[in-house]
Amino acid sequence: MKKIIFYIAIAVAIILLVNIIEILVTDLDRLTNYGYGYLAGKFLLFVVFIAIALVTRKPKKASNK
């Protein structure tokens, strides 16, 4: 179940990142106050999904030398 949540969080984070970059590249000069709020909301969602992915990732195993 952890693996499924990890991959879903990564997929949603990538989609949000593409959307954020698209807004910054094409529409930054036309944003209103509501547009900046929309962009900030997208960025916060991106951070939340990255945090979920970091929490659900597989921990590294310590190597025995």
PDB file of N, CA and C in Angstrom:
ATOM      1  N   MET A   1       0.818  -1.187   0.000  1.00  0.00           N
ATOM      2  CA  MET A   1       0.000   0.000   0.000  1.00  0.00           C
ATOM      3  C   MET A   1       0.872   1.265   0.000  1.00  0.00           C
ATOM      4  N   LYS A   2       1.996   1.213   0.745  1.00  0.00           N
ATOM      5  CA  LYS A   2       2.903   2.353   0.786  1.00  0.00           C
ATOM      6  C   LYS A   2       3.485   2.652  -0.590  1.00  0.00           C
ATOM      7  N   LYS A   3       3.777   1.600  -1.329  1.00  0.00           N
ATOM      8  CA  LYS A   3       4.368   1.767  -2.655  1.00  0.00           C
ATOM      9  C   LYS A   3       3.384   2.436  -3.616  1.00  0.00           C
ATOM     10  N   ILE A   4       2.109   2.065  -3.513  1.00  0.00           N
ATOM     11  CA  ILE A   4       1.083   2.656  -4.377  1.00  0.00           C
ATOM     12  C   ILE A   4       0.927   4.146  -4.065  1.00  0.00           C
ATOM     13  N   ILE A   5       0.881   4.481  -2.782  1.00  0.00           N
ATOM     14  CA  ILE A   5       0.749   5.883  -2.383  1.00  0.00           C
ATOM     15  C   ILE A   5       1.973   6.674  -2.844  1.00  0.00           C
ATOM     16  N   PHE A   6       3.157   6.070  -2.734  1.00  0.00           N
ATOM     17  CA  PHE A   6       4.387   6.729  -3.176  1.00  0.00           C
ATOM     18  C   PHE A   6       4.311   7.067  -4.666  1.00  0.00           C
ATOM     19  N   TYR A   7       3.940   6.096  -5.494  1.00  0.00           N
ATOM     20  CA  TYR A   7       3.903   6.334  -6.933  1.00  0.00           C
ATOM     21  C   TYR A   7       2.795   7.305  -7.329  1.00  0.00           C
ATOM     22  N   ILE A   8       1.666   7.254  -6.667  1.00  0.00           N
ATOM     23  CA  ILE A   8       0.586   8.210  -6.948  1.00  0.00           C
ATOM     24  C   ILE A   8       1.035   9.619  -6.570  1.00  0.00           C
ATOM     25  N   ALA A   9       1.697   9.764  -5.418  1.00  0.00           N
ATOM     26  CA  ALA A   9       2.178  11.080  -4.987  1.00  0.00           C
ATOM     27  C   ALA A   9       3.218  11.625  -5.957  1.00  0.00           C
ATOM     28  N   ILE A  10       4.108  10.777  -6.431  1.00  0.00           N
ATOM     29  CA  ILE A  10       5.115  11.209  -7.404  1.00  0.00           C
ATOM     30  C   ILE A  10       4.450  11.642  -8.712  1.00  0.00           C
ATOM     31  N   ALA A  11       3.474  10.879  -9.176  1.00  0.00           N
ATOM     32  CA  ALA A  11       2.788  11.207 -10.426  1.00  0.00           C
ATOM     33  C   ALA A  11       2.053  12.542 -10.315  1.00  0.00           C
ATOM     34  N   VAL A  12       1.347  12.746  -9.217  1.00  0.00           N
ATOM     35  CA  VAL A  12       0.612  13.999  -9.035  1.00  0.00           C
ATOM     36  C   VAL A  12       1.597  15.163  -8.903  1.00  0.00           C
ATOM     37  N   ALA A  13       2.714  14.960  -8.213  1.00  0.00           N
ATOM     38  CA  ALA A  13       3.714  16.015  -8.071  1.00  0.00           C
ATOM     39  C   ALA A  13       4.309  16.393  -9.421  1.00  0.00           C
ATOM     40  N   ILE A  14       4.556  15.419 -10.276  1.00  0.00           N
ATOM     41  CA  ILE A  14       5.098  15.711 -11.608  1.00  0.00           C
ATOM     42  C   ILE A  14       4.085  16.484 -12.440  1.00  0.00           C
ATOM     43  N   ILE A  15       2.818  16.087 -12.372  1.00  0.00           N
ATOM     44  CA  ILE A  15       1.765  16.799 -13.110  1.00  0.00           C
ATOM     45  C   ILE A  15       1.660  18.236 -12.616  1.00  0.00           C
ATOM     46  N   LEU A  16       1.701  18.426 -11.300  1.00  0.00           N
ATOM     47  CA  LEU A  16       1.628  19.778 -10.748  1.00  0.00           C
ATOM     48  C   LEU A  16       2.847  20.606 -11.145  1.00  0.00           C
ATOM     49  N   LEU A  17       4.023  19.993 -11.142  1.00  0.00           N
ATOM     50  CA  LEU A  17       5.231  20.709 -11.539  1.00  0.00           C
ATOM     51  C   LEU A  17       5.152  21.165 -12.988  1.00  0.00           C
ATOM     52  N   VAL A  18       4.668  20.316 -13.867  1.00  0.00           N
ATOM     53  CA  VAL A  18       4.516  20.687 -15.271  1.00  0.00           C
ATOM     54  C   VAL A  18       3.524  21.837 -15.403  1.00  0.00           C
ATOM     55  N   ASN A  19       2.427  21.773 -14.647  1.00  0.00           N
ATOM     56  CA  ASN A  19       1.423  22.828 -14.686  1.00  0.00           C
ATOM     57  C   ASN A  19       1.997  24.150 -14.171  1.00  0.00           C
ATOM     58  N   ILE A  20       2.761  24.103 -13.089  1.00  0.00           N
ATOM     59  CA  ILE A  20       3.372  25.314 -12.530  1.00  0.00           C
ATOM     60  C   ILE A  20       4.356  25.927 -13.518  1.00  0.00           C
ATOM     61  N   ILE A  21       5.185  25.095 -14.128  1.00  0.00           N
ATOM     62  CA  ILE A  21       6.164  25.595 -15.099  1.00  0.00           C
ATOM     63  C   ILE A  21       5.452  26.197 -16.303  1.00  0.00           C
ATOM     64  N   GLU A  22       4.385  25.565 -16.746  1.00  0.00           N
ATOM     65  CA  GLU A  22       3.619  26.084 -17.882  1.00  0.00           C
ATOM     66  C   GLU A  22       3.032  27.460 -17.561  1.00  0.00           C
ATOM     67  N   ILE A  23       2.501  27.624 -16.361  1.00  0.00           N
ATOM     68  CA  ILE A  23       1.958  28.924 -15.957  1.00  0.00           C
ATOM     69  C   ILE A  23       3.072  29.971 -15.900  1.00  0.00           C
ATOM     70  N   LEU A  24       4.216  29.613 -15.329  1.00  0.00           N
ATOM     71  CA  LEU A  24       5.318  30.569 -15.210  1.00  0.00           C
ATOM     72  C   LEU A  24       5.876  30.983 -16.564  1.00  0.00           C
ATOM     73  N   VAL A  25       5.919  30.048 -17.506  1.00  0.00           N
ATOM     74  CA  VAL A  25       6.512  30.347 -18.808  1.00  0.00           C
ATOM     75  C   VAL A  25       5.552  31.133 -19.703  1.00  0.00           C
ATOM     76  N   THR A  26       4.294  30.747 -19.728  1.00  0.00           N
ATOM     77  CA  THR A  26       3.385  31.342 -20.711  1.00  0.00           C
ATOM     78  C   THR A  26       2.506  32.455 -20.161  1.00  0.00           C
ATOM     79  N   ASP A  27       2.102  32.405 -18.910  1.00  0.00           N
ATOM     80  CA  ASP A  27       1.078  33.318 -18.418  1.00  0.00           C
ATOM     81  C   ASP A  27       1.514  34.217 -17.275  1.00  0.00           C
ATOM     82  N   LEU A  28       2.774  34.299 -16.966  1.00  0.00           N
ATOM     83  CA  LEU A  28       3.214  35.066 -15.795  1.00  0.00           C
ATOM     84  C   LEU A  28       2.875  36.550 -15.927  1.00  0.00           C
ATOM     85  N   ASP A  29       3.017  37.110 -17.111  1.00  0.00           N
ATOM     86  CA  ASP A  29       2.758  38.541 -17.280  1.00  0.00           C
ATOM     87  C   ASP A  29       1.275  38.884 -17.257  1.00  0.00           C
ATOM     88  N   ARG A  30       0.385  37.893 -17.420  1.00  0.00           N
ATOM     89  CA  ARG A  30      -1.058  38.138 -17.442  1.00  0.00           C
ATOM     90  C   ARG A  30      -1.757  37.754 -16.147  1.00  0.00           C
ATOM     91  N   LEU A  31      -1.018  37.354 -15.122  1.00  0.00           N
ATOM     92  CA  LEU A  31      -1.655  36.902 -13.884  1.00  0.00           C
ATOM     93  C   LEU A  31      -2.238  38.074 -13.105  1.00  0.00           C
ATOM     94  N   THR A  32      -3.437  37.859 -12.585  1.00  0.00           N
ATOM     95  CA  THR A  32      -4.059  38.827 -11.682  1.00  0.00           C
ATOM     96  C   THR A  32      -3.782  38.373 -10.254  1.00  0.00           C
ATOM     97  N   ASN A  33      -4.382  39.060  -9.281  1.00  0.00           N
ATOM     98  CA  ASN A  33      -4.220  38.630  -7.891  1.00  0.00           C
ATOM     99  C   ASN A  33      -4.778  37.233  -7.692  1.00  0.00           C
ATOM    100  N   TYR A  34      -5.884  36.931  -8.348  1.00  0.00           N
ATOM    101  CA  TYR A  34      -6.461  35.590  -8.248  1.00  0.00           C
ATOM    102  C   TYR A  34      -5.549  34.556  -8.907  1.00  0.00           C
ATOM    103  N   GLY A  35      -4.902  34.948  -9.984  1.00  0.00           N
ATOM    104  CA  GLY A  35      -3.970  34.056 -10.662  1.00  0.00           C
ATOM    105  C   GLY A  35      -2.757  33.734  -9.806  1.00  0.00           C
ATOM    106  N   TYR A  36      -2.266  34.728  -9.081  1.00  0.00           N
ATOM    107  CA  TYR A  36      -1.144  34.482  -8.172  1.00  0.00           C
ATOM    108  C   TYR A  36      -1.574  33.563  -7.027  1.00  0.00           C
ATOM    109  N   GLY A  37      -2.809  33.726  -6.556  1.00  0.00           N
ATOM    110  CA  GLY A  37      -3.334  32.824  -5.526  1.00  0.00           C
ATOM    111  C   GLY A  37      -3.458  31.404  -6.045  1.00  0.00           C
ATOM    112  N   TYR A  38      -3.921  31.265  -7.280  1.00  0.00           N
ATOM    113  CA  TYR A  38      -4.026  29.955  -7.919  1.00  0.00           C
ATOM    114  C   TYR A  38      -2.645  29.309  -8.035  1.00  0.00           C
ATOM    115  N   LEU A  39      -1.649  30.097  -8.444  1.00  0.00           N
ATOM    116  CA  LEU A  39      -0.282  29.594  -8.575  1.00  0.00           C
ATOM    117  C   LEU A  39       0.287  29.201  -7.213  1.00  0.00           C
ATOM    118  N   ALA A  40       0.022  29.998  -6.193  1.00  0.00           N
ATOM    119  CA  ALA A  40       0.494  29.673  -4.847  1.00  0.00           C
ATOM    120  C   ALA A  40      -0.169  28.393  -4.343  1.00  0.00           C
ATOM    121  N   GLY A  41      -1.438  28.219  -4.632  1.00  0.00           N
ATOM    122  CA  GLY A  41      -2.134  26.994  -4.244  1.00  0.00           C
ATOM    123  C   GLY A  41      -1.560  25.768  -4.934  1.00  0.00           C
ATOM    124  N   LYS A  42      -1.261  25.903  -6.209  1.00  0.00           N
ATOM    125  CA  LYS A  42      -0.629  24.794  -6.946  1.00  0.00           C
ATOM    126  C   LYS A  42       0.733  24.454  -6.346  1.00  0.00           C
ATOM    127  N   PHE A  43       1.495  25.489  -5.985  1.00  0.00           N
ATOM    128  CA  PHE A  43       2.804  25.259  -5.399  1.00  0.00           C
ATOM    129  C   PHE A  43       2.684  24.559  -4.040  1.00  0.00           C
ATOM    130  N   LEU A  44       1.726  24.969  -3.228  1.00  0.00           N
ATOM    131  CA  LEU A  44       1.520  24.315  -1.936  1.00  0.00           C
ATOM    132  C   LEU A  44       1.114  22.854  -2.112  1.00  0.00           C
ATOM    133  N   LEU A  45       0.246  22.575  -3.073  1.00  0.00           N
ATOM    134  CA  LEU A  45      -0.115  21.182  -3.355  1.00  0.00           C
ATOM    135  C   LEU A  45       1.099  20.383  -3.806  1.00  0.00           C
ATOM    136  N   PHE A  46       1.955  20.993  -4.620  1.00  0.00           N
ATOM    137  CA  PHE A  46       3.186  20.337  -5.060  1.00  0.00           C
ATOM    138  C   PHE A  46       4.056  19.975  -3.859  1.00  0.00           C
ATOM    139  N   VAL A  47       4.219  20.902  -2.937  1.00  0.00           N
ATOM    140  CA  VAL A  47       5.027  20.652  -1.743  1.00  0.00           C
ATOM    141  C   VAL A  47       4.408  19.538  -0.894  1.00  0.00           C
ATOM    142  N   VAL A  48       3.080  19.522  -0.765  1.00  0.00           N
ATOM    143  CA  VAL A  48       2.404  18.487   0.019  1.00  0.00           C
ATOM    144  C   VAL A  48       2.633  17.114  -0.594  1.00  0.00           C
ATOM    145  N   PHE A  49       2.501  17.003  -1.908  1.00  0.00           N
ATOM    146  CA  PHE A  49       2.672  15.696  -2.543  1.00  0.00           C
ATOM    147  C   PHE A  49       4.135  15.240  -2.535  1.00  0.00           C
ATOM    148  N   ILE A  50       5.070  16.165  -2.602  1.00  0.00           N
ATOM    149  CA  ILE A  50       6.481  15.796  -2.451  1.00  0.00           C
ATOM    150  C   ILE A  50       6.737  15.293  -1.035  1.00  0.00           C
ATOM    151  N   ALA A  51       6.133  15.945  -0.050  1.00  0.00           N
ATOM    152  CA  ALA A  51       6.296  15.510   1.342  1.00  0.00           C
ATOM    153  C   ALA A  51       5.705  14.119   1.546  1.00  0.00           C
ATOM    154  N   ILE A  52       4.552  13.850   0.949  1.00  0.00           N
ATOM    155  CA  ILE A  52       3.947  12.517   1.041  1.00  0.00           C
ATOM    156  C   ILE A  52       4.867  11.482   0.413  1.00  0.00           C
ATOM    157  N   ALA A  53       5.456  11.818  -0.728  1.00  0.00           N
ATOM    158  CA  ALA A  53       6.367  10.886  -1.397  1.00  0.00           C
ATOM    159  C   ALA A  53       7.605  10.630  -0.537  1.00  0.00           C
ATOM    160  N   LEU A  54       8.106  11.668   0.124  1.00  0.00           N
ATOM    161  CA  LEU A  54       9.282  11.477   0.969  1.00  0.00           C
ATOM    162  C   LEU A  54       8.963  10.629   2.195  1.00  0.00           C
ATOM    163  N   VAL A  55       7.786  10.776   2.743  1.00  0.00           N
ATOM    164  CA  VAL A  55       7.401  10.001   3.926  1.00  0.00           C
ATOM    165  C   VAL A  55       7.184   8.534   3.572  1.00  0.00           C
ATOM    166  N   THR A  56       6.642   8.265   2.397  1.00  0.00           N
ATOM    167  CA  THR A  56       6.301   6.884   2.033  1.00  0.00           C
ATOM    168  C   THR A  56       7.394   6.164   1.260  1.00  0.00           C
ATOM    169  N   ARG A  57       8.537   6.815   1.034  1.00  0.00           N
ATOM    170  CA  ARG A  57       9.599   6.133   0.283  1.00  0.00           C
ATOM    171  C   ARG A  57      10.207   5.007   1.123  1.00  0.00           C
ATOM    172  N   LYS A  58      10.869   4.111   0.444  1.00  0.00           N
ATOM    173  CA  LYS A  58      11.525   3.001   1.110  1.00  0.00           C
ATOM    174  C   LYS A  58      12.814   3.486   1.765  1.00  0.00           C
ATOM    175  N   PRO A  59      13.000   3.221   3.046  1.00  0.00           N
ATOM    176  CA  PRO A  59      14.232   3.689   3.707  1.00  0.00           C
ATOM    177  C   PRO A  59      15.444   2.914   3.197  1.00  0.00           C
ATOM    178  N   LYS A  60      16.581   3.602   3.199  1.00  0.00           N
ATOM    179  CA  LYS A  60      17.819   2.956   2.771  1.00  0.00           C
ATOM    180  C   LYS A  60      18.284   1.995   3.843  1.00  0.00           C
ATOM    181  N   LYS A  61      18.774   0.847   3.414  1.00  0.00           N
ATOM    182  CA  LYS A  61      19.293  -0.138   4.345  1.00  0.00           C
ATOM    183  C   LYS A  61      20.756   0.176   4.626  1.00  0.00           C
ATOM    184  N   ALA A  62      21.133   0.044   5.864  1.00  0.00           N
ATOM    185  CA  ALA A  62      22.537   0.273   6.237  1.00  0.00           C
ATOM    186  C   ALA A  62      23.379  -0.897   5.753  1.00  0.00           C
ATOM    187  N   SER A  63      24.493  -0.565   5.163  1.00  0.00           N
ATOM    188  CA  SER A  63      25.359  -1.635   4.655  1.00  0.00           C
ATOM    189  C   SER A  63      26.319  -2.081   5.757  1.00  0.00           C
ATOM    190  N   ASN A  64      26.533  -3.363   5.812  1.00  0.00           N
ATOM    191  CA  ASN A  64      27.469  -3.935   6.780  1.00  0.00           C
ATOM    192  C   ASN A  64      28.804  -4.182   6.097  1.00  0.00           C
ATOM    193  N   LYS A  65      29.824  -3.509   6.571  1.00  0.00           N
ATOM    194  CA  LYS A  65      31.138  -3.657   5.942  1.00  0.00           C
ATOM    195  C   LYS A  65      31.991  -4.635   6.703  1.00  0.00           C
TER     196      LYS A  65
END
